[in-house]
């Protein structure tokens, strides 16, 4: 199993940050690997909602369908892969801290499903960790620029 984590403190209230991280369609604004996002179920977004993510990692397009399995506004959202070339879960936790909101992201995957080859999984995990950290820095910049 590969675990990918990252965190960032954003100088804005939890509710403001939640608006960016809880709606997968907004990920295109800040997630560095995002190519496309599509909500597959009716609004409002919540537990049981499904969405499609198309990302580009290491020259490969990764198309996955996720289901929202945990939804606790404005503090937690968790997703599970329902179909695609990777399998696993991801979770975003938001916590009010002095000076803003701590965003903690964690993804767990049972390898990358042959996408990069089993031997390449540790290298792919390190590269995706870098993408995540860059993405969280993008999120920080975007949300803090909001007036």
C-alpha atoms as a PDB file:
ATOM      1  CA  UNK A   1       0.000   0.000   0.000  1.00  0.00           C
ATOM      2  CA  UNK A   2       1.218   3.485  -0.851  1.00  0.00           C
ATOM      3  CA  UNK A   3       0.323   6.442   1.389  1.00  0.00           C
ATOM      4  CA  UNK A   4       0.550   9.993   0.093  1.00  0.00           C
ATOM      5  CA  UNK A   5       0.168  12.906   2.498  1.00  0.00           C
ATOM      6  CA  UNK A   6       0.475  16.656   2.530  1.00  0.00           C
ATOM      7  CA  UNK A   7      -0.681  19.595   4.571  1.00  0.00           C
ATOM      8  CA  UNK A   8      -0.817  23.353   4.378  1.00  0.00           C
ATOM      9  CA  UNK A   9      -2.036  26.173   6.629  1.00  0.00           C
ATOM     10  CA  UNK A  10      -4.199  28.670   4.778  1.00  0.00           C
ATOM     11  CA  UNK A  11      -4.879  32.093   6.264  1.00  0.00           C
ATOM     12  CA  UNK A  12      -8.639  31.919   5.770  1.00  0.00           C
ATOM     13  CA  UNK A  13     -11.576  30.514   7.785  1.00  0.00           C
ATOM     14  CA  UNK A  14     -12.460  26.829   7.507  1.00  0.00           C
ATOM     15  CA  UNK A  15     -15.718  27.558   5.650  1.00  0.00           C
ATOM     16  CA  UNK A  16     -13.865  29.498   2.930  1.00  0.00           C
ATOM     17  CA  UNK A  17     -11.324  26.713   2.402  1.00  0.00           C
ATOM     18  CA  UNK A  18     -14.091  24.077   2.466  1.00  0.00           C
ATOM     19  CA  UNK A  19     -15.759  25.726  -0.538  1.00  0.00           C
ATOM     20  CA  UNK A  20     -12.618  24.948  -2.573  1.00  0.00           C
ATOM     21  CA  UNK A  21     -11.769  21.452  -1.373  1.00  0.00           C
ATOM     22  CA  UNK A  22     -15.245  19.949  -1.003  1.00  0.00           C
ATOM     23  CA  UNK A  23     -16.361  20.518  -4.597  1.00  0.00           C
ATOM     24  CA  UNK A  24     -14.329  18.314  -6.946  1.00  0.00           C
ATOM     25  CA  UNK A  25     -15.157  20.591  -9.887  1.00  0.00           C
ATOM     26  CA  UNK A  26     -13.094  23.353  -8.264  1.00  0.00           C
ATOM     27  CA  UNK A  27     -10.011  21.114  -8.134  1.00  0.00           C
ATOM     28  CA  UNK A  28      -9.165  22.188 -11.683  1.00  0.00           C
ATOM     29  CA  UNK A  29      -8.408  25.624 -10.229  1.00  0.00           C
ATOM     30  CA  UNK A  30      -5.696  24.368  -7.882  1.00  0.00           C
ATOM     31  CA  UNK A  31      -4.810  20.681  -8.318  1.00  0.00           C
ATOM     32  CA  UNK A  32      -1.674  20.650 -10.475  1.00  0.00           C
ATOM     33  CA  UNK A  33      -2.418  17.349 -12.261  1.00  0.00           C
ATOM     34  CA  UNK A  34      -6.122  18.030 -12.944  1.00  0.00           C
ATOM     35  CA  UNK A  35      -7.224  17.709 -16.538  1.00  0.00           C
ATOM     36  CA  UNK A  36     -10.950  17.369 -15.956  1.00  0.00           C
ATOM     37  CA  UNK A  37     -13.578  17.019 -13.253  1.00  0.00           C
ATOM     38  CA  UNK A  38     -17.217  16.051 -13.630  1.00  0.00           C
ATOM     39  CA  UNK A  39     -19.961  15.536 -11.051  1.00  0.00           C
ATOM     40  CA  UNK A  40     -21.843  12.355 -12.063  1.00  0.00           C
ATOM     41  CA  UNK A  41     -24.746  12.621  -9.614  1.00  0.00           C
ATOM     42  CA  UNK A  42     -27.274  15.305  -8.826  1.00  0.00           C
ATOM     43  CA  UNK A  43     -26.450  18.175  -6.498  1.00  0.00           C
ATOM     44  CA  UNK A  44     -26.080  18.895  -3.690  1.00  0.00           C
ATOM     45  CA  UNK A  45     -22.741  17.203  -3.176  1.00  0.00           C
ATOM     46  CA  UNK A  46     -22.720  14.843  -0.201  1.00  0.00           C
ATOM     47  CA  UNK A  47     -22.205  11.292   0.942  1.00  0.00           C
ATOM     48  CA  UNK A  48     -22.933   8.981  -1.987  1.00  0.00           C
ATOM     49  CA  UNK A  49     -22.153  11.583  -4.659  1.00  0.00           C
ATOM     50  CA  UNK A  50     -19.988  10.318  -7.503  1.00  0.00           C
ATOM     51  CA  UNK A  51     -17.578  12.245  -9.653  1.00  0.00           C
ATOM     52  CA  UNK A  52     -15.036  11.630 -12.370  1.00  0.00           C
ATOM     53  CA  UNK A  53     -11.442  12.818 -12.087  1.00  0.00           C
ATOM     54  CA  UNK A  54      -9.089  12.943 -15.038  1.00  0.00           C
ATOM     55  CA  UNK A  55      -5.502  13.679 -14.048  1.00  0.00           C
ATOM     56  CA  UNK A  56      -2.135  13.611 -15.765  1.00  0.00           C
ATOM     57  CA  UNK A  57       0.783  12.106 -13.821  1.00  0.00           C
ATOM     58  CA  UNK A  58       4.213  11.361 -15.255  1.00  0.00           C
ATOM     59  CA  UNK A  59       2.918  11.599 -18.814  1.00  0.00           C
ATOM     60  CA  UNK A  60      -0.009   9.226 -18.175  1.00  0.00           C
ATOM     61  CA  UNK A  61      -3.683  10.144 -18.148  1.00  0.00           C
ATOM     62  CA  UNK A  62      -5.481   8.656 -15.149  1.00  0.00           C
ATOM     63  CA  UNK A  63      -9.291   8.461 -15.367  1.00  0.00           C
ATOM     64  CA  UNK A  64     -11.080   7.447 -12.165  1.00  0.00           C
ATOM     65  CA  UNK A  65     -14.581   7.508 -10.734  1.00  0.00           C
ATOM     66  CA  UNK A  66     -14.851   8.316  -7.035  1.00  0.00           C
ATOM     67  CA  UNK A  67     -17.688   8.118  -4.538  1.00  0.00           C
ATOM     68  CA  UNK A  68     -17.931  10.453  -1.560  1.00  0.00           C
ATOM     69  CA  UNK A  69     -17.900   8.117   1.455  1.00  0.00           C
ATOM     70  CA  UNK A  70     -17.423  10.669   4.256  1.00  0.00           C
ATOM     71  CA  UNK A  71     -18.986  14.122   4.225  1.00  0.00           C
ATOM     72  CA  UNK A  72     -18.834  16.257   7.361  1.00  0.00           C
ATOM     73  CA  UNK A  73     -18.927  19.951   6.381  1.00  0.00           C
ATOM     74  CA  UNK A  74     -16.792  21.944   6.889  1.00  0.00           C
ATOM     75  CA  UNK A  75     -14.255  19.552   8.378  1.00  0.00           C
ATOM     76  CA  UNK A  76     -13.923  16.311   6.449  1.00  0.00           C
ATOM     77  CA  UNK A  77     -14.508  14.755   3.069  1.00  0.00           C
ATOM     78  CA  UNK A  78     -13.464  11.248   2.123  1.00  0.00           C
ATOM     79  CA  UNK A  79     -13.617   9.518  -1.249  1.00  0.00           C
ATOM     80  CA  UNK A  80     -13.213   5.956  -2.478  1.00  0.00           C
ATOM     81  CA  UNK A  81     -12.224   4.947  -6.008  1.00  0.00           C
ATOM     82  CA  UNK A  82     -15.096   3.061  -7.647  1.00  0.00           C
ATOM     83  CA  UNK A  83     -13.470   2.469 -11.043  1.00  0.00           C
ATOM     84  CA  UNK A  84     -10.306   3.310 -12.906  1.00  0.00           C
ATOM     85  CA  UNK A  85      -6.675   2.300 -13.191  1.00  0.00           C
ATOM     86  CA  UNK A  86      -5.888   2.918  -9.523  1.00  0.00           C
ATOM     87  CA  UNK A  87      -7.705   1.822  -6.381  1.00  0.00           C
ATOM     88  CA  UNK A  88      -7.797   3.429  -2.996  1.00  0.00           C
ATOM     89  CA  UNK A  89      -9.155   6.244  -0.895  1.00  0.00           C
ATOM     90  CA  UNK A  90      -8.440   9.871  -0.168  1.00  0.00           C
ATOM     91  CA  UNK A  91      -9.399  12.162   2.656  1.00  0.00           C
ATOM     92  CA  UNK A  92      -9.186  15.884   3.315  1.00  0.00           C
ATOM     93  CA  UNK A  93      -9.400  17.182   6.868  1.00  0.00           C
ATOM     94  CA  UNK A  94      -9.830  20.862   7.709  1.00  0.00           C
ATOM     95  CA  UNK A  95      -9.087  22.212  11.153  1.00  0.00           C
ATOM     96  CA  UNK A  96      -9.291  25.750  12.489  1.00  0.00           C
ATOM     97  CA  UNK A  97      -5.882  26.780  13.811  1.00  0.00           C
ATOM     98  CA  UNK A  98      -4.385  30.069  14.892  1.00  0.00           C
ATOM     99  CA  UNK A  99      -4.074  32.160  11.757  1.00  0.00           C
ATOM    100  CA  UNK A 100      -6.443  30.141   9.569  1.00  0.00           C
ATOM    101  CA  UNK A 101      -7.147  26.576   8.513  1.00  0.00           C
ATOM    102  CA  UNK A 102      -4.918  23.524   8.470  1.00  0.00           C
ATOM    103  CA  UNK A 103      -5.637  21.367   5.413  1.00  0.00           C
ATOM    104  CA  UNK A 104      -4.412  17.776   5.727  1.00  0.00           C
ATOM    105  CA  UNK A 105      -4.654  15.459   2.722  1.00  0.00           C
ATOM    106  CA  UNK A 106      -4.110  11.702   2.822  1.00  0.00           C
ATOM    107  CA  UNK A 107      -4.462   9.178   0.014  1.00  0.00           C
ATOM    108  CA  UNK A 108      -3.967   5.452   0.271  1.00  0.00           C
ATOM    109  CA  UNK A 109      -3.642   3.273  -2.780  1.00  0.00           C
ATOM    110  CA  UNK A 110      -2.994  -0.407  -3.267  1.00  0.00           C
ATOM    111  CA  UNK A 111      -0.285   0.289  -5.815  1.00  0.00           C
ATOM    112  CA  UNK A 112      -1.058   2.088  -9.016  1.00  0.00           C
ATOM    113  CA  UNK A 113      -2.757  -0.852 -10.719  1.00  0.00           C
ATOM    114  CA  UNK A 114      -0.046  -1.438 -13.257  1.00  0.00           C
ATOM    115  CA  UNK A 115      -0.330   2.145 -14.447  1.00  0.00           C
ATOM    116  CA  UNK A 116       3.383   2.630 -13.890  1.00  0.00           C
ATOM    117  CA  UNK A 117       4.361  -0.962 -13.161  1.00  0.00           C
ATOM    118  CA  UNK A 118       4.678  -2.473  -9.697  1.00  0.00           C
ATOM    119  CA  UNK A 119       8.398  -1.716  -9.434  1.00  0.00           C
ATOM    120  CA  UNK A 120       7.713   1.940 -10.190  1.00  0.00           C
ATOM    121  CA  UNK A 121       5.099   2.357  -7.419  1.00  0.00           C
ATOM    122  CA  UNK A 122       7.500   3.946  -4.867  1.00  0.00           C
ATOM    123  CA  UNK A 123       8.834   6.380  -7.498  1.00  0.00           C
ATOM    124  CA  UNK A 124       5.300   7.216  -8.640  1.00  0.00           C
ATOM    125  CA  UNK A 125       4.241   7.793  -5.016  1.00  0.00           C
ATOM    126  CA  UNK A 126       7.106  10.269  -4.506  1.00  0.00           C
ATOM    127  CA  UNK A 127       6.242  12.121  -7.716  1.00  0.00           C
ATOM    128  CA  UNK A 128       2.545  12.261  -6.827  1.00  0.00           C
ATOM    129  CA  UNK A 129       3.471  13.510  -3.335  1.00  0.00           C
ATOM    130  CA  UNK A 130       5.330  16.393  -5.009  1.00  0.00           C
ATOM    131  CA  UNK A 131       2.276  17.129  -7.168  1.00  0.00           C
ATOM    132  CA  UNK A 132       0.094  17.116  -4.054  1.00  0.00           C
ATOM    133  CA  UNK A 133       2.366  19.499  -2.166  1.00  0.00           C
ATOM    134  CA  UNK A 134       2.526  21.825  -5.158  1.00  0.00           C
ATOM    135  CA  UNK A 135      -1.256  21.640  -5.421  1.00  0.00           C
ATOM    136  CA  UNK A 136      -1.712  22.546  -1.758  1.00  0.00           C
ATOM    137  CA  UNK A 137       0.583  25.545  -2.273  1.00  0.00           C
ATOM    138  CA  UNK A 138      -1.609  26.510  -5.278  1.00  0.00           C
ATOM    139  CA  UNK A 139      -4.725  26.150  -3.088  1.00  0.00           C
ATOM    140  CA  UNK A 140      -3.161  28.373  -0.412  1.00  0.00           C
ATOM    141  CA  UNK A 141      -2.299  31.064  -2.930  1.00  0.00           C
ATOM    142  CA  UNK A 142      -5.734  30.946  -4.591  1.00  0.00           C
ATOM    143  CA  UNK A 143      -7.777  31.023  -1.374  1.00  0.00           C
ATOM    144  CA  UNK A 144      -5.624  33.653   0.331  1.00  0.00           C
ATOM    145  CA  UNK A 145      -5.901  35.908  -2.745  1.00  0.00           C
ATOM    146  CA  UNK A 146      -9.702  35.890  -2.337  1.00  0.00           C
ATOM    147  CA  UNK A 147     -10.831  39.061  -0.641  1.00  0.00           C
END
